[in-house]
C-alpha atoms as a PDB file:
ATOM      1  CA  GLN A   1      -8.408 -14.737 -15.048  1.00  0.00           C
ATOM      2  CA  VAL A   2      -9.678 -12.642 -12.168  1.00  0.00           C
ATOM      3  CA  GLN A   3      -7.015 -10.504 -10.544  1.00  0.00           C
ATOM      4  CA  LEU A   4      -7.191  -8.183  -7.569  1.00  0.00           C
ATOM      5  CA  VAL A   5      -4.537  -5.666  -6.603  1.00  0.00           C
ATOM      6  CA  GLU A   6      -4.781  -3.746  -3.354  1.00  0.00           C
ATOM      7  CA  SER A   7      -3.014  -0.488  -2.587  1.00  0.00           C
ATOM      8  CA  GLY A   8      -3.113   2.350  -0.103  1.00  0.00           C
ATOM      9  CA  GLY A   9      -1.806   0.700   3.032  1.00  0.00           C
ATOM     10  CA  GLY A  10       0.843   2.191   5.249  1.00  0.00           C
ATOM     11  CA  LEU A  11       1.606   3.503   8.693  1.00  0.00           C
ATOM     12  CA  VAL A  12      -1.102   5.605  10.311  1.00  0.00           C
ATOM     13  CA  ARG A  13      -1.424   7.066  13.766  1.00  0.00           C
ATOM     14  CA  ALA A  14      -4.298   6.061  15.964  1.00  0.00           C
ATOM     15  CA  GLY A  15      -7.251   8.312  15.314  1.00  0.00           C
ATOM     16  CA  GLY A  16      -6.241   8.807  11.725  1.00  0.00           C
ATOM     17  CA  SER A  17      -7.843   7.567   8.549  1.00  0.00           C
ATOM     18  CA  LEU A  18      -6.918   5.684   5.422  1.00  0.00           C
ATOM     19  CA  ARG A  19      -8.311   4.720   2.067  1.00  0.00           C
ATOM     20  CA  LEU A  20      -7.523   1.394   0.506  1.00  0.00           C
ATOM     21  CA  SER A  21      -8.064   0.659  -3.144  1.00  0.00           C
ATOM     22  CA  CYS A  22      -8.574  -2.578  -4.993  1.00  0.00           C
ATOM     23  CA  ALA A  23      -8.244  -2.817  -8.744  1.00  0.00           C
ATOM     24  CA  VAL A  24     -10.239  -5.656 -10.256  1.00  0.00           C
ATOM     25  CA  SER A  25      -9.526  -7.163 -13.635  1.00  0.00           C
ATOM     26  CA  GLY A  26     -10.586 -10.183 -15.633  1.00  0.00           C
ATOM     27  CA  ILE A  27     -14.298  -9.914 -14.923  1.00  0.00           C
ATOM     28  CA  LEU A  28     -17.233  -8.450 -16.782  1.00  0.00           C
ATOM     29  CA  GLY A  29     -20.284  -6.851 -15.278  1.00  0.00           C
ATOM     30  CA  ASN A  30     -21.119  -6.393 -11.641  1.00  0.00           C
ATOM     31  CA  TYR A  31     -20.025  -8.603  -8.752  1.00  0.00           C
ATOM     32  CA  ASP A  32     -19.985  -9.005  -5.010  1.00  0.00           C
ATOM     33  CA  MET A  33     -16.776  -8.126  -3.227  1.00  0.00           C
ATOM     34  CA  ALA A  34     -15.483  -8.091   0.308  1.00  0.00           C
ATOM     35  CA  TRP A  35     -12.640  -6.798   2.411  1.00  0.00           C
ATOM     36  CA  HIS A  36     -10.920  -9.004   4.940  1.00  0.00           C
ATOM     37  CA  ARG A  37      -7.939  -8.459   7.176  1.00  0.00           C
ATOM     38  CA  GLN A  38      -5.471 -10.539   9.110  1.00  0.00           C
ATOM     39  CA  ALA A  39      -3.716  -9.307  12.203  1.00  0.00           C
ATOM     40  CA  PRO A  40      -0.411 -10.860  13.260  1.00  0.00           C
ATOM     41  CA  GLY A  41      -1.002 -14.219  14.897  1.00  0.00           C
ATOM     42  CA  LYS A  42      -4.740 -14.099  14.298  1.00  0.00           C
ATOM     43  CA  PRO A  43      -7.026 -15.685  11.714  1.00  0.00           C
ATOM     44  CA  ARG A  44      -8.257 -13.740   8.771  1.00  0.00           C
ATOM     45  CA  GLU A  45     -11.485 -11.863   9.512  1.00  0.00           C
ATOM     46  CA  PHE A  46     -14.260 -10.190   7.578  1.00  0.00           C
ATOM     47  CA  VAL A  47     -14.237  -6.392   7.532  1.00  0.00           C
ATOM     48  CA  ALA A  48     -16.840  -5.224   5.042  1.00  0.00           C
ATOM     49  CA  SER A  49     -18.579  -6.121   1.818  1.00  0.00           C
ATOM     50  CA  ILE A  50     -20.650  -4.703  -0.964  1.00  0.00           C
ATOM     51  CA  ASP A  51     -22.778  -6.835  -3.249  1.00  0.00           C
ATOM     52  CA  ALA A  52     -23.841  -6.365  -6.841  1.00  0.00           C
ATOM     53  CA  THR A  53     -26.909  -4.405  -5.739  1.00  0.00           C
ATOM     54  CA  GLY A  54     -24.855  -2.046  -3.591  1.00  0.00           C
ATOM     55  CA  HIS A  55     -25.902  -3.559  -0.290  1.00  0.00           C
ATOM     56  CA  ARG A  56     -23.173  -3.199   2.308  1.00  0.00           C
ATOM     57  CA  LYS A  57     -22.245  -5.156   5.391  1.00  0.00           C
ATOM     58  CA  PHE A  58     -19.719  -4.350   8.081  1.00  0.00           C
ATOM     59  CA  ALA A  59     -18.064  -6.198  10.903  1.00  0.00           C
ATOM     60  CA  ASP A  60     -19.086  -4.953  14.328  1.00  0.00           C
ATOM     61  CA  SER A  61     -15.493  -3.953  14.990  1.00  0.00           C
ATOM     62  CA  VAL A  62     -15.527  -1.360  12.196  1.00  0.00           C
ATOM     63  CA  MET A  63     -19.206  -0.366  12.183  1.00  0.00           C
ATOM     64  CA  GLY A  64     -19.520   3.384  11.885  1.00  0.00           C
ATOM     65  CA  ARG A  65     -15.829   3.768  11.056  1.00  0.00           C
ATOM     66  CA  ALA A  66     -15.647   2.001   7.710  1.00  0.00           C
ATOM     67  CA  PHE A  67     -17.113   2.939   4.369  1.00  0.00           C
ATOM     68  CA  VAL A  68     -17.151   0.884   1.194  1.00  0.00           C
ATOM     69  CA  THR A  69     -17.458   2.525  -2.179  1.00  0.00           C
ATOM     70  CA  ARG A  70     -16.859   1.449  -5.729  1.00  0.00           C
ATOM     71  CA  ASP A  71     -16.468   2.630  -9.264  1.00  0.00           C
ATOM     72  CA  ILE A  72     -17.899  -0.358 -11.049  1.00  0.00           C
ATOM     73  CA  LEU A  73     -17.134   1.006 -14.506  1.00  0.00           C
ATOM     74  CA  LYS A  74     -13.463   1.369 -13.659  1.00  0.00           C
ATOM     75  CA  LYS A  75     -13.512  -1.839 -11.604  1.00  0.00           C
ATOM     76  CA  LEU A  76     -12.166  -0.036  -8.560  1.00  0.00           C
ATOM     77  CA  GLU A  77     -13.158  -0.833  -4.993  1.00  0.00           C
ATOM     78  CA  PHE A  78     -12.442   1.347  -1.979  1.00  0.00           C
ATOM     79  CA  LEU A  79     -12.376   0.851   1.747  1.00  0.00           C
ATOM     80  CA  GLU A  80     -12.184   3.988   3.827  1.00  0.00           C
ATOM     81  CA  MET A  81     -11.686   3.810   7.555  1.00  0.00           C
ATOM     82  CA  ASN A  82     -11.460   6.551  10.112  1.00  0.00           C
ATOM     83  CA  THR A  83     -10.799   6.795  13.830  1.00  0.00           C
ATOM     84  CA  LEU A  84      -8.259   4.048  13.345  1.00  0.00           C
ATOM     85  CA  LYS A  85      -7.186   1.963  16.309  1.00  0.00           C
ATOM     86  CA  PRO A  86      -4.047  -0.119  16.859  1.00  0.00           C
ATOM     87  CA  GLU A  87      -6.242  -3.220  16.641  1.00  0.00           C
ATOM     88  CA  ASP A  88      -7.010  -2.291  13.035  1.00  0.00           C
ATOM     89  CA  THR A  89      -3.437  -3.241  12.206  1.00  0.00           C
ATOM     90  CA  GLY A  90      -3.125  -6.073   9.750  1.00  0.00           C
ATOM     91  CA  VAL A  91      -2.918  -7.079   6.139  1.00  0.00           C
ATOM     92  CA  TYR A  92      -6.033  -6.044   4.271  1.00  0.00           C
ATOM     93  CA  TYR A  93      -7.308  -8.115   1.373  1.00  0.00           C
ATOM     94  CA  CYS A  94      -9.986  -7.556  -1.194  1.00  0.00           C
ATOM     95  CA  THR A  95     -11.783 -10.616  -2.446  1.00  0.00           C
ATOM     96  CA  LEU A  96     -14.436 -11.727  -4.898  1.00  0.00           C
ATOM     97  CA  PRO A  97     -16.207 -14.535  -3.055  1.00  0.00           C
ATOM     98  CA  GLU A  98     -17.974 -15.917  -6.121  1.00  0.00           C
ATOM     99  CA  PHE A  99     -14.621 -16.499  -7.780  1.00  0.00           C
ATOM    100  CA  ASN A 100     -12.650 -17.348  -4.663  1.00  0.00           C
ATOM    101  CA  ALA A 101     -10.241 -14.657  -5.780  1.00  0.00           C
ATOM    102  CA  TRP A 102      -7.990 -12.776  -3.369  1.00  0.00           C
ATOM    103  CA  GLY A 103      -5.539  -9.980  -3.771  1.00  0.00           C
ATOM    104  CA  GLN A 104      -2.024 -10.069  -2.404  1.00  0.00           C
ATOM    105  CA  GLY A 105      -2.957  -7.797   0.473  1.00  0.00           C
ATOM    106  CA  THR A 106      -1.774  -4.421   1.661  1.00  0.00           C
ATOM    107  CA  GLN A 107      -0.283  -3.803   5.094  1.00  0.00           C
ATOM    108  CA  VAL A 108      -1.942  -1.327   7.432  1.00  0.00           C
ATOM    109  CA  THR A 109      -0.158  -0.444  10.654  1.00  0.00           C
ATOM    110  CA  VAL A 110      -1.815   1.798  13.206  1.00  0.00           C
ATOM    111  CA  SER A 111       0.535   3.190  15.821  1.00  0.00           C
ATOM    112  CA  SER A 112      -0.673   4.146  19.263  1.00  0.00           C
END
């Protein structure tokens, strides 16, 4: 069974940075993964992704401020964001699209 566990969220001041982690279990080999977020009262939205070849994609809203890295051997995924804005506030989820697997999410709050 594929399981994803996010961590690293918290309260950050605008202009600051954070690093979210996602621990993946129950899967062998390489995989595509993505980060999504959901702000209060808004639909869930795509943030960034990295596929099995290492190709990365980013939402326009985080382009240049977000970085996706991974330790595939340890099955750890990371989302780093800098120059945070209040509109980055939300619950951040890691997901494996091929398995329709989602983590429980980690709350990020950016104060102005």
